[in-house]
Amino acid sequence: HQYEAVGFRNQIVNFTLNRALTPSLKNIFNACRSMAGWLSLDPLNVAIIQCNNGLTRSGLVMACFLRYCEFFESTYEAFEYFQQQRSPG
């Protein structure tokens, strides 16, 4: 899905992830670095990870971001946390 950048004050960075493939390490690292940098600029900034089902590719990127920011000791733990938060029960 493409967003109109004007509605977001032209503050959109898009990291296209191929539906059939796991994101490359380069794309994951670039997304993590971009989100961390953006969030560090202003405490009111937000970052949104969006995809069709919000589970596999976006979940992997989210888990890597949580690990990148050192919220978890491992990406596995971060992904488990993501899964629990996404589908509590």
C-alpha atoms as a PDB file:
ATOM      1  CA  HIS A   1       0.000   0.000   0.000  1.00  0.00           C
ATOM      2  CA  GLN A   2       1.330   3.421  -0.902  1.00  0.00           C
ATOM      3  CA  TYR A   3       0.483   6.392   1.282  1.00  0.00           C
ATOM      4  CA  GLU A   4       0.090   9.989   0.234  1.00  0.00           C
ATOM      5  CA  ALA A   5       3.200  11.565   1.708  1.00  0.00           C
ATOM      6  CA  VAL A   6       1.487  14.954   2.099  1.00  0.00           C
ATOM      7  CA  GLY A   7      -0.845  13.534   4.758  1.00  0.00           C
ATOM      8  CA  PHE A   8       2.219  12.549   6.755  1.00  0.00           C
ATOM      9  CA  ARG A   9       4.107  15.829   6.196  1.00  0.00           C
ATOM     10  CA  ASN A  10       6.273  14.043   3.622  1.00  0.00           C
ATOM     11  CA  GLN A  11       7.809  11.944   6.406  1.00  0.00           C
ATOM     12  CA  ILE A  12       7.489   8.490   4.837  1.00  0.00           C
ATOM     13  CA  VAL A  13      10.254   5.988   4.245  1.00  0.00           C
ATOM     14  CA  ASN A  14       9.218   2.893   2.341  1.00  0.00           C
ATOM     15  CA  PHE A  15      11.122  -0.389   2.559  1.00  0.00           C
ATOM     16  CA  THR A  16       9.348  -2.602   0.071  1.00  0.00           C
ATOM     17  CA  LEU A  17       9.370  -6.239   1.114  1.00  0.00           C
ATOM     18  CA  ASN A  18       8.796  -8.875  -1.522  1.00  0.00           C
ATOM     19  CA  ARG A  19       5.769 -11.006  -0.594  1.00  0.00           C
ATOM     20  CA  ALA A  20       7.507 -14.241  -1.558  1.00  0.00           C
ATOM     21  CA  LEU A  21      10.857 -13.637   0.101  1.00  0.00           C
ATOM     22  CA  THR A  22      12.220 -12.986   3.539  1.00  0.00           C
ATOM     23  CA  PRO A  23      13.558  -9.418   3.798  1.00  0.00           C
ATOM     24  CA  SER A  24      17.275  -9.088   3.168  1.00  0.00           C
ATOM     25  CA  LEU A  25      19.527  -8.295   6.111  1.00  0.00           C
ATOM     26  CA  LYS A  26      20.349  -5.019   4.391  1.00  0.00           C
ATOM     27  CA  ASN A  27      16.644  -4.022   4.237  1.00  0.00           C
ATOM     28  CA  ILE A  28      16.070  -5.067   7.838  1.00  0.00           C
ATOM     29  CA  PHE A  29      19.092  -3.141   9.087  1.00  0.00           C
ATOM     30  CA  ASN A  30      18.190  -0.050   7.050  1.00  0.00           C
ATOM     31  CA  ALA A  31      14.620  -0.116   8.384  1.00  0.00           C
ATOM     32  CA  CYS A  32      15.817  -0.525  11.985  1.00  0.00           C
ATOM     33  CA  ARG A  33      18.384   2.244  11.631  1.00  0.00           C
ATOM     34  CA  SER A  34      15.839   4.588  10.031  1.00  0.00           C
ATOM     35  CA  MET A  35      13.181   3.962  12.673  1.00  0.00           C
ATOM     36  CA  ALA A  36      15.633   4.330  15.551  1.00  0.00           C
ATOM     37  CA  GLY A  37      16.975   7.570  14.105  1.00  0.00           C
ATOM     38  CA  TRP A  38      13.484   8.967  13.500  1.00  0.00           C
ATOM     39  CA  LEU A  39      12.260   8.065  16.969  1.00  0.00           C
ATOM     40  CA  SER A  40      15.339   9.588  18.606  1.00  0.00           C
ATOM     41  CA  LEU A  41      14.729  12.974  16.937  1.00  0.00           C
ATOM     42  CA  ASP A  42      11.565  13.784  18.878  1.00  0.00           C
ATOM     43  CA  PRO A  43       9.679  11.928  21.626  1.00  0.00           C
ATOM     44  CA  LEU A  44       6.429  12.666  19.753  1.00  0.00           C
ATOM     45  CA  ASN A  45       7.575  10.907  16.573  1.00  0.00           C
ATOM     46  CA  VAL A  46       6.043   7.536  15.781  1.00  0.00           C
ATOM     47  CA  ALA A  47       7.075   4.755  13.424  1.00  0.00           C
ATOM     48  CA  ILE A  48       4.581   2.466  11.731  1.00  0.00           C
ATOM     49  CA  ILE A  49       5.323  -0.923  10.246  1.00  0.00           C
ATOM     50  CA  GLN A  50       2.507  -1.923   7.923  1.00  0.00           C
ATOM     51  CA  CYS A  51       1.883  -4.951   5.753  1.00  0.00           C
ATOM     52  CA  ASN A  52      -1.057  -7.032   4.588  1.00  0.00           C
ATOM     53  CA  ASN A  53      -1.283  -9.498   7.466  1.00  0.00           C
ATOM     54  CA  GLY A  54       1.010  -7.923  10.059  1.00  0.00           C
ATOM     55  CA  LEU A  55       2.604 -11.181  11.049  1.00  0.00           C
ATOM     56  CA  THR A  56       5.495 -12.623   9.091  1.00  0.00           C
ATOM     57  CA  ARG A  57       7.648 -10.028   7.333  1.00  0.00           C
ATOM     58  CA  SER A  58       6.500  -7.106   9.452  1.00  0.00           C
ATOM     59  CA  GLY A  59       6.809  -9.252  12.585  1.00  0.00           C
ATOM     60  CA  LEU A  60      10.379 -10.109  11.669  1.00  0.00           C
ATOM     61  CA  VAL A  61      11.211  -6.437  11.093  1.00  0.00           C
ATOM     62  CA  MET A  62       9.541  -5.479  14.381  1.00  0.00           C
ATOM     63  CA  ALA A  63      11.433  -8.170  16.281  1.00  0.00           C
ATOM     64  CA  CYS A  64      14.702  -7.062  14.724  1.00  0.00           C
ATOM     65  CA  PHE A  65      13.917  -3.457  15.630  1.00  0.00           C
ATOM     66  CA  LEU A  66      13.221  -4.393  19.257  1.00  0.00           C
ATOM     67  CA  ARG A  67      16.540  -6.244  19.342  1.00  0.00           C
ATOM     68  CA  TYR A  68      18.338  -3.396  17.537  1.00  0.00           C
ATOM     69  CA  CYS A  69      17.135  -1.034  20.283  1.00  0.00           C
ATOM     70  CA  GLU A  70      18.275  -3.580  22.888  1.00  0.00           C
ATOM     71  CA  PHE A  71      14.831  -4.124  24.404  1.00  0.00           C
ATOM     72  CA  PHE A  72      15.517  -7.871  24.220  1.00  0.00           C
ATOM     73  CA  GLU A  73      18.604 -10.069  24.444  1.00  0.00           C
ATOM     74  CA  SER A  74      17.713 -11.928  21.245  1.00  0.00           C
ATOM     75  CA  THR A  75      15.599 -11.457  18.159  1.00  0.00           C
ATOM     76  CA  TYR A  76      13.842 -14.720  19.028  1.00  0.00           C
ATOM     77  CA  GLU A  77      12.685 -13.272  22.378  1.00  0.00           C
ATOM     78  CA  ALA A  78      11.565 -10.096  20.615  1.00  0.00           C
ATOM     79  CA  PHE A  79       9.573 -12.093  18.053  1.00  0.00           C
ATOM     80  CA  GLU A  80       7.926 -14.132  20.814  1.00  0.00           C
ATOM     81  CA  TYR A  81       6.961 -10.870  22.544  1.00  0.00           C
ATOM     82  CA  PHE A  82       5.600  -9.507  19.264  1.00  0.00           C
ATOM     83  CA  GLN A  83       3.519 -12.655  18.751  1.00  0.00           C
ATOM     84  CA  GLN A  84       2.093 -12.460  22.277  1.00  0.00           C
ATOM     85  CA  GLN A  85       1.198  -8.784  21.916  1.00  0.00           C
ATOM     86  CA  ARG A  86      -0.313  -9.242  18.458  1.00  0.00           C
ATOM     87  CA  SER A  87      -2.454 -12.238  19.414  1.00  0.00           C
ATOM     88  CA  PRO A  88      -2.979 -12.278  23.191  1.00  0.00           C
ATOM     89  CA  GLY A  89      -4.922 -15.139  24.545  1.00  0.00           C
END
